[in-house]
Every structure is written in C-alpha cells, then in structure tokens.
PDB file of N, CA and C in Angstrom:
ATOM      1  N   MET A   1      97.087  83.115  89.405  1.00  0.00           N
ATOM      2  CA  MET A   1      96.607  83.509  89.638  1.00  0.00           C
ATOM      3  C   MET A   1      94.965  82.765  89.496  1.00  0.00           C
ATOM      4  N   THR A   2      94.782  82.281  90.551  1.00  0.00           N
ATOM      5  CA  THR A   2      93.118  82.177  89.967  1.00  0.00           C
ATOM      6  C   THR A   2      91.762  82.626  91.060  1.00  0.00           C
ATOM      7  N   THR A   3      91.634  81.762  89.925  1.00  0.00           N
ATOM      8  CA  THR A   3      89.454  82.651  90.733  1.00  0.00           C
ATOM      9  C   THR A   3      89.870  82.585  92.252  1.00  0.00           C
ATOM     10  N   THR A   4      89.851  81.639  92.464  1.00  0.00           N
ATOM     11  CA  THR A   4      89.866  81.885  94.278  1.00  0.00           C
ATOM     12  C   THR A   4      91.029  82.844  94.726  1.00  0.00           C
ATOM     13  N   ASN A   5      92.390  82.769  94.456  1.00  0.00           N
ATOM     14  CA  ASN A   5      92.697  83.673  94.656  1.00  0.00           C
ATOM     15  C   ASN A   5      92.520  85.454  94.839  1.00  0.00           C
ATOM     16  N   ILE A   6      91.732  85.395  93.190  1.00  0.00           N
ATOM     17  CA  ILE A   6      91.212  86.657  93.173  1.00  0.00           C
ATOM     18  C   ILE A   6      90.011  86.769  94.200  1.00  0.00           C
ATOM     19  N   ASP A   7      89.711  86.390  94.110  1.00  0.00           N
ATOM     20  CA  ASP A   7      88.053  86.223  95.373  1.00  0.00           C
ATOM     21  C   ASP A   7      88.203  86.860  96.712  1.00  0.00           C
ATOM     22  N   GLU A   8      89.822  85.962  97.020  1.00  0.00           N
ATOM     23  CA  GLU A   8      90.394  86.660  98.818  1.00  0.00           C
ATOM     24  C   GLU A   8      90.279  87.786  98.711  1.00  0.00           C
ATOM     25  N   ILE A   9      91.174  88.335  97.483  1.00  0.00           N
ATOM     26  CA  ILE A   9      91.762  89.261  97.270  1.00  0.00           C
ATOM     27  C   ILE A   9      91.064  90.117  97.696  1.00  0.00           C
ATOM     28  N   GLU A  10      89.559  90.358  96.424  1.00  0.00           N
ATOM     29  CA  GLU A  10      88.128  90.867  96.531  1.00  0.00           C
ATOM     30  C   GLU A  10      87.738  90.817  97.762  1.00  0.00           C
ATOM     31  N   GLU A  11      87.802  90.298  98.801  1.00  0.00           N
ATOM     32  CA  GLU A  11      87.428  90.038  99.945  1.00  0.00           C
ATOM     33  C   GLU A  11      88.137  90.994 100.498  1.00  0.00           C
ATOM     34  N   LEU A  12      89.120  90.952 100.992  1.00  0.00           N
ATOM     35  CA  LEU A  12      89.724  91.789 102.020  1.00  0.00           C
ATOM     36  C   LEU A  12      89.692  93.330 101.047  1.00  0.00           C
ATOM     37  N   PHE A  13      89.718  93.622 100.112  1.00  0.00           N
ATOM     38  CA  PHE A  13      89.360  95.041  99.217  1.00  0.00           C
ATOM     39  C   PHE A  13      87.895  95.062 100.449  1.00  0.00           C
ATOM     40  N   GLU A  14      86.770  94.378 100.142  1.00  0.00           N
ATOM     41  CA  GLU A  14      85.526  94.986 100.585  1.00  0.00           C
ATOM     42  C   GLU A  14      85.606  94.896 102.101  1.00  0.00           C
ATOM     43  N   GLN A  15      86.708  94.118 102.267  1.00  0.00           N
ATOM     44  CA  GLN A  15      86.566  94.230 103.979  1.00  0.00           C
ATOM     45  C   GLN A  15      86.949  95.350 105.093  1.00  0.00           C
ATOM     46  N   ASN A  16      88.033  95.931 103.851  1.00  0.00           N
ATOM     47  CA  ASN A  16      88.240  97.339 104.505  1.00  0.00           C
ATOM     48  C   ASN A  16      87.395  98.640 103.888  1.00  0.00           C
ATOM     49  N   ASP A  17      86.745  98.295 102.617  1.00  0.00           N
ATOM     50  CA  ASP A  17      85.973  99.410 101.861  1.00  0.00           C
ATOM     51  C   ASP A  17      84.370  99.686 103.156  1.00  0.00           C
ATOM     52  N   THR A  18      85.172 100.101 104.379  1.00  0.00           N
ATOM     53  CA  THR A  18      84.113 100.658 104.782  1.00  0.00           C
ATOM     54  C   THR A  18      82.644 100.986 105.007  1.00  0.00           C
ATOM     55  N   ASP A  19      82.952 102.055 104.135  1.00  0.00           N
ATOM     56  CA  ASP A  19      81.561 102.864 104.165  1.00  0.00           C
ATOM     57  C   ASP A  19      80.828 102.060 102.718  1.00  0.00           C
ATOM     58  N   GLY A  20      81.903 101.092 101.950  1.00  0.00           N
ATOM     59  CA  GLY A  20      80.992 100.120 101.072  1.00  0.00           C
ATOM     60  C   GLY A  20      80.494 101.104  99.459  1.00  0.00           C
ATOM     61  N   ASN A  21      81.729 102.348  99.517  1.00  0.00           N
ATOM     62  CA  ASN A  21      81.490 102.910  98.207  1.00  0.00           C
ATOM     63  C   ASN A  21      82.160 102.103  97.803  1.00  0.00           C
ATOM     64  N   GLY A  22      82.858 101.077  96.846  1.00  0.00           N
ATOM     65  CA  GLY A  22      83.594 100.632  95.848  1.00  0.00           C
ATOM     66  C   GLY A  22      85.485 100.945  95.921  1.00  0.00           C
ATOM     67  N   ASP A  23      85.260 101.727  96.542  1.00  0.00           N
ATOM     68  CA  ASP A  23      86.821 102.544  97.168  1.00  0.00           C
ATOM     69  C   ASP A  23      87.319 102.350  98.153  1.00  0.00           C
ATOM     70  N   ILE A  24      88.806 102.664  98.546  1.00  0.00           N
ATOM     71  CA  ILE A  24      89.476 102.514  99.316  1.00  0.00           C
ATOM     72  C   ILE A  24      89.962 103.999  99.533  1.00  0.00           C
ATOM     73  N   ASP A  25      89.748 104.842 100.604  1.00  0.00           N
ATOM     74  CA  ASP A  25      90.021 105.907 100.501  1.00  0.00           C
ATOM     75  C   ASP A  25      91.579 106.332 101.831  1.00  0.00           C
ATOM     76  N   PHE A  26      92.651 107.324 101.811  1.00  0.00           N
ATOM     77  CA  PHE A  26      93.266 107.084 102.740  1.00  0.00           C
ATOM     78  C   PHE A  26      92.565 106.493 104.155  1.00  0.00           C
ATOM     79  N   GLU A  27      91.747 106.551 104.360  1.00  0.00           N
ATOM     80  CA  GLU A  27      91.768 106.287 106.467  1.00  0.00           C
ATOM     81  C   GLU A  27      91.496 104.763 106.283  1.00  0.00           C
ATOM     82  N   GLU A  28      90.963 104.379 105.214  1.00  0.00           N
ATOM     83  CA  GLU A  28      90.117 103.067 104.658  1.00  0.00           C
ATOM     84  C   GLU A  28      91.773 102.251 104.930  1.00  0.00           C
ATOM     85  N   PHE A  29      92.522 102.649 103.550  1.00  0.00           N
ATOM     86  CA  PHE A  29      94.218 102.018 103.352  1.00  0.00           C
ATOM     87  C   PHE A  29      95.176 102.266 104.612  1.00  0.00           C
ATOM     88  N   THR A  30      94.748 103.294 105.449  1.00  0.00           N
ATOM     89  CA  THR A  30      95.085 102.822 106.959  1.00  0.00           C
ATOM     90  C   THR A  30      95.136 101.688 107.775  1.00  0.00           C
ATOM     91  N   ALA A  31      94.010 101.806 107.801  1.00  0.00           N
ATOM     92  CA  ALA A  31      93.872 100.564 108.693  1.00  0.00           C
ATOM     93  C   ALA A  31      93.859  99.317 107.833  1.00  0.00           C
ATOM     94  N   LEU A  32      94.168  99.558 107.037  1.00  0.00           N
ATOM     95  CA  LEU A  32      94.332  97.817 106.110  1.00  0.00           C
ATOM     96  C   LEU A  32      96.198  97.372 106.610  1.00  0.00           C
ATOM     97  N   ILE A  33      96.158  98.750 106.102  1.00  0.00           N
ATOM     98  CA  ILE A  33      97.649  98.472 106.220  1.00  0.00           C
ATOM     99  C   ILE A  33      98.361  98.074 108.103  1.00  0.00           C
ATOM    100  N   ALA A  34      97.630  98.672 108.420  1.00  0.00           N
ATOM    101  CA  ALA A  34      97.713  98.627 109.862  1.00  0.00           C
ATOM    102  C   ALA A  34      97.898  97.096 110.185  1.00  0.00           C
ATOM    103  N   ASP A  35      96.455  96.512 109.962  1.00  0.00           N
ATOM    104  CA  ASP A  35      97.070  94.737 109.887  1.00  0.00           C
ATOM    105  C   ASP A  35      97.473  94.774 108.777  1.00  0.00           C
ATOM    106  N   LEU A  36      98.157  94.565 107.753  1.00  0.00           N
ATOM    107  CA  LEU A  36      99.591  93.881 107.060  1.00  0.00           C
ATOM    108  C   LEU A  36     100.522  94.352 107.548  1.00  0.00           C
ATOM    109  N   ASP A  37     101.067  95.475 108.210  1.00  0.00           N
ATOM    110  CA  ASP A  37     101.927  95.921 108.361  1.00  0.00           C
ATOM    111  C   ASP A  37     102.483  96.866 109.385  1.00  0.00           C
ATOM    112  N   PRO A  38     102.104  96.378 110.922  1.00  0.00           N
ATOM    113  CA  PRO A  38     101.371  98.164 111.733  1.00  0.00           C
ATOM    114  C   PRO A  38     103.089  98.173 112.071  1.00  0.00           C
ATOM    115  N   LYS A  39     103.705  97.817 111.859  1.00  0.00           N
ATOM    116  CA  LYS A  39     105.321  99.134 111.764  1.00  0.00           C
ATOM    117  C   LYS A  39     105.389 100.405 110.757  1.00  0.00           C
ATOM    118  N   MET A  40     104.578  99.885 109.879  1.00  0.00           N
ATOM    119  CA  MET A  40     104.876 100.919 108.583  1.00  0.00           C
ATOM    120  C   MET A  40     104.868 102.361 108.895  1.00  0.00           C
ATOM    121  N   PRO A  41     105.491 103.000 108.993  1.00  0.00           N
ATOM    122  CA  PRO A  41     105.903 104.352 109.232  1.00  0.00           C
ATOM    123  C   PRO A  41     104.929 105.259 108.422  1.00  0.00           C
ATOM    124  N   GLY A  42     104.398 106.255 108.578  1.00  0.00           N
ATOM    125  CA  GLY A  42     102.991 107.297 107.800  1.00  0.00           C
ATOM    126  C   GLY A  42     103.846 107.906 106.692  1.00  0.00           C
ATOM    127  N   PRO A  43     104.872 108.232 106.366  1.00  0.00           N
ATOM    128  CA  PRO A  43     105.153 108.610 105.681  1.00  0.00           C
ATOM    129  C   PRO A  43     105.769 107.255 104.672  1.00  0.00           C
ATOM    130  N   ALA A  44     105.710 106.629 104.437  1.00  0.00           N
ATOM    131  CA  ALA A  44     105.761 105.453 103.658  1.00  0.00           C
ATOM    132  C   ALA A  44     103.770 104.850 103.138  1.00  0.00           C
ATOM    133  N   LEU A  45     102.909 105.292 104.351  1.00  0.00           N
ATOM    134  CA  LEU A  45     101.675 105.072 103.706  1.00  0.00           C
ATOM    135  C   LEU A  45     100.824 106.009 102.807  1.00  0.00           C
ATOM    136  N   THR A  46     101.707 107.467 103.130  1.00  0.00           N
ATOM    137  CA  THR A  46     101.363 108.322 102.335  1.00  0.00           C
ATOM    138  C   THR A  46     101.825 107.764 100.285  1.00  0.00           C
ATOM    139  N   ILE A  47     103.153 107.552 100.746  1.00  0.00           N
ATOM    140  CA  ILE A  47     103.941 107.200  99.731  1.00  0.00           C
ATOM    141  C   ILE A  47     102.709 105.828  98.582  1.00  0.00           C
ATOM    142  N   GLY A  48     103.279 104.753  99.660  1.00  0.00           N
ATOM    143  CA  GLY A  48     101.889 104.078  99.406  1.00  0.00           C
ATOM    144  C   GLY A  48     100.781 104.009  98.304  1.00  0.00           C
ATOM    145  N   PHE A  49      99.970 104.799  99.484  1.00  0.00           N
ATOM    146  CA  PHE A  49      98.565 105.075  98.964  1.00  0.00           C
ATOM    147  C   PHE A  49      99.027 105.862  97.291  1.00  0.00           C
ATOM    148  N   HIS A  50      99.646 107.124  97.333  1.00  0.00           N
ATOM    149  CA  HIS A  50      99.453 107.567  96.149  1.00  0.00           C
ATOM    150  C   HIS A  50     100.130 106.876  95.052  1.00  0.00           C
ATOM    151  N   ASP A  51     100.983 105.797  95.452  1.00  0.00           N
ATOM    152  CA  ASP A  51     101.542 104.536  94.290  1.00  0.00           C
ATOM    153  C   ASP A  51     100.896 103.771  93.905  1.00  0.00           C
ATOM    154  N   ILE A  52     100.035 103.254  94.450  1.00  0.00           N
ATOM    155  CA  ILE A  52      98.348 102.439  94.050  1.00  0.00           C
ATOM    156  C   ILE A  52      97.749 102.997  93.207  1.00  0.00           C
ATOM    157  N   ASP A  53      97.523 104.051  94.050  1.00  0.00           N
ATOM    158  CA  ASP A  53      95.767 105.710  93.399  1.00  0.00           C
ATOM    159  C   ASP A  53      96.501 105.496  91.617  1.00  0.00           C
ATOM    160  N   THR A  54      96.985 105.111  91.227  1.00  0.00           N
ATOM    161  CA  THR A  54      96.974 104.966  89.482  1.00  0.00           C
ATOM    162  C   THR A  54      96.330 106.247  88.799  1.00  0.00           C
ATOM    163  N   ASN A  55      95.059 106.261  89.012  1.00  0.00           N
ATOM    164  CA  ASN A  55      94.606 106.993  88.380  1.00  0.00           C
ATOM    165  C   ASN A  55      94.306 108.583  88.856  1.00  0.00           C
ATOM    166  N   LYS A  56      94.822 108.897  90.436  1.00  0.00           N
ATOM    167  CA  LYS A  56      94.985 109.821  91.016  1.00  0.00           C
ATOM    168  C   LYS A  56      94.273 110.862  91.090  1.00  0.00           C
ATOM    169  N   ASP A  57      92.388 109.830  91.567  1.00  0.00           N
ATOM    170  CA  ASP A  57      91.944 110.425  92.141  1.00  0.00           C
ATOM    171  C   ASP A  57      91.207 110.457  93.919  1.00  0.00           C
ATOM    172  N   GLY A  58      92.632 110.268  94.295  1.00  0.00           N
ATOM    173  CA  GLY A  58      92.074 109.950  95.621  1.00  0.00           C
ATOM    174  C   GLY A  58      91.666 109.188  96.470  1.00  0.00           C
ATOM    175  N   LEU A  59      91.509 108.149  95.424  1.00  0.00           N
ATOM    176  CA  LEU A  59      90.909 106.924  95.323  1.00  0.00           C
ATOM    177  C   LEU A  59      91.904 105.960  95.436  1.00  0.00           C
ATOM    178  N   ILE A  60      91.667 103.987  95.875  1.00  0.00           N
ATOM    179  CA  ILE A  60      91.821 103.547  95.428  1.00  0.00           C
ATOM    180  C   ILE A  60      90.590 102.222  94.832  1.00  0.00           C
ATOM    181  N   ASN A  61      90.629 101.521  93.925  1.00  0.00           N
ATOM    182  CA  ASN A  61      89.371 100.936  93.294  1.00  0.00           C
ATOM    183  C   ASN A  61      89.978  99.795  93.387  1.00  0.00           C
ATOM    184  N   PHE A  62      89.356  98.686  92.837  1.00  0.00           N
ATOM    185  CA  PHE A  62      90.118  97.686  93.524  1.00  0.00           C
ATOM    186  C   PHE A  62      91.062  96.922  92.274  1.00  0.00           C
ATOM    187  N   ASP A  63      90.919  97.702  90.818  1.00  0.00           N
ATOM    188  CA  ASP A  63      91.959  97.328  89.892  1.00  0.00           C
ATOM    189  C   ASP A  63      92.868  97.717  90.233  1.00  0.00           C
ATOM    190  N   GLU A  64      92.726  99.025  90.991  1.00  0.00           N
ATOM    191  CA  GLU A  64      94.433  99.512  91.159  1.00  0.00           C
ATOM    192  C   GLU A  64      94.531  98.537  92.672  1.00  0.00           C
ATOM    193  N   PHE A  65      93.836  97.961  93.503  1.00  0.00           N
ATOM    194  CA  PHE A  65      94.112  97.260  94.366  1.00  0.00           C
ATOM    195  C   PHE A  65      94.524  96.670  93.750  1.00  0.00           C
ATOM    196  N   LEU A  66      94.377  95.629  92.820  1.00  0.00           N
ATOM    197  CA  LEU A  66      94.418  93.849  92.079  1.00  0.00           C
ATOM    198  C   LEU A  66      96.027  94.554  91.557  1.00  0.00           C
ATOM    199  N   ASP A  67      96.263  95.191  90.925  1.00  0.00           N
ATOM    200  CA  ASP A  67      97.396  95.589  90.476  1.00  0.00           C
ATOM    201  C   ASP A  67      98.623  95.699  91.288  1.00  0.00           C
ATOM    202  N   TRP A  68      98.301  96.107  91.968  1.00  0.00           N
ATOM    203  CA  TRP A  68      99.193  96.810  93.880  1.00  0.00           C
ATOM    204  C   TRP A  68      99.288  95.259  94.269  1.00  0.00           C
ATOM    205  N   TRP A  69      98.648  94.175  94.564  1.00  0.00           N
ATOM    206  CA  TRP A  69      98.354  93.167  95.160  1.00  0.00           C
ATOM    207  C   TRP A  69      99.471  92.051  94.039  1.00  0.00           C
ATOM    208  N   LEU A  70      99.249  92.211  93.433  1.00  0.00           N
ATOM    209  CA  LEU A  70     100.247  90.929  91.977  1.00  0.00           C
ATOM    210  C   LEU A  70     101.909  91.548  91.765  1.00  0.00           C
ATOM    211  N   ARG A  71     101.880  92.805  92.573  1.00  0.00           N
ATOM    212  CA  ARG A  71     102.968  92.889  91.712  1.00  0.00           C
ATOM    213  C   ARG A  71     104.352  92.514  92.212  1.00  0.00           C
ATOM    214  N   ASP A  72     105.214  91.654  91.932  1.00  0.00           N
ATOM    215  CA  ASP A  72     106.406  91.334  92.537  1.00  0.00           C
ATOM    216  C   ASP A  72     107.012  92.137  93.114  1.00  0.00           C
TER     217      ASP A  72
END
C-alpha cells in the first residue's frame, strides 16, 4: 500500500463524510455503498456497517474505514 493509495482512500472517505465531522454515519455509509454496489440489499448494509464500526460507537472513523478497505 502506497501513500498515494491511502490518500485516495482518505479522499473517498472525506467525500462521503458529507457533514464533515470526521466520521461516516449510517446514512453516509448507505450513500457510499450505493455508489460502490448499488444492488446491495438493505440487511447487508446494516450488517456491513456494524462490522466496520469496530468500536461500536455508531459511526465509522477513518481508521475503521481503512482497515475495512484493506481487508482481504
């Protein structure tokens, strides 16, 4: 993983953090996934969100997002 790749991932995160608070909430996550996989069913969105939100605060921060993005 290069710095450029991480910068691109961070840019994607920031584009979807529409309120600019540094976290992605469920609504923002839904919009992000709609761009990446428009056919993903609602239950999978909920499961995915909770899987990524490893600290279980109801938000996805950049570190959680990056860890998810880099998973095999």
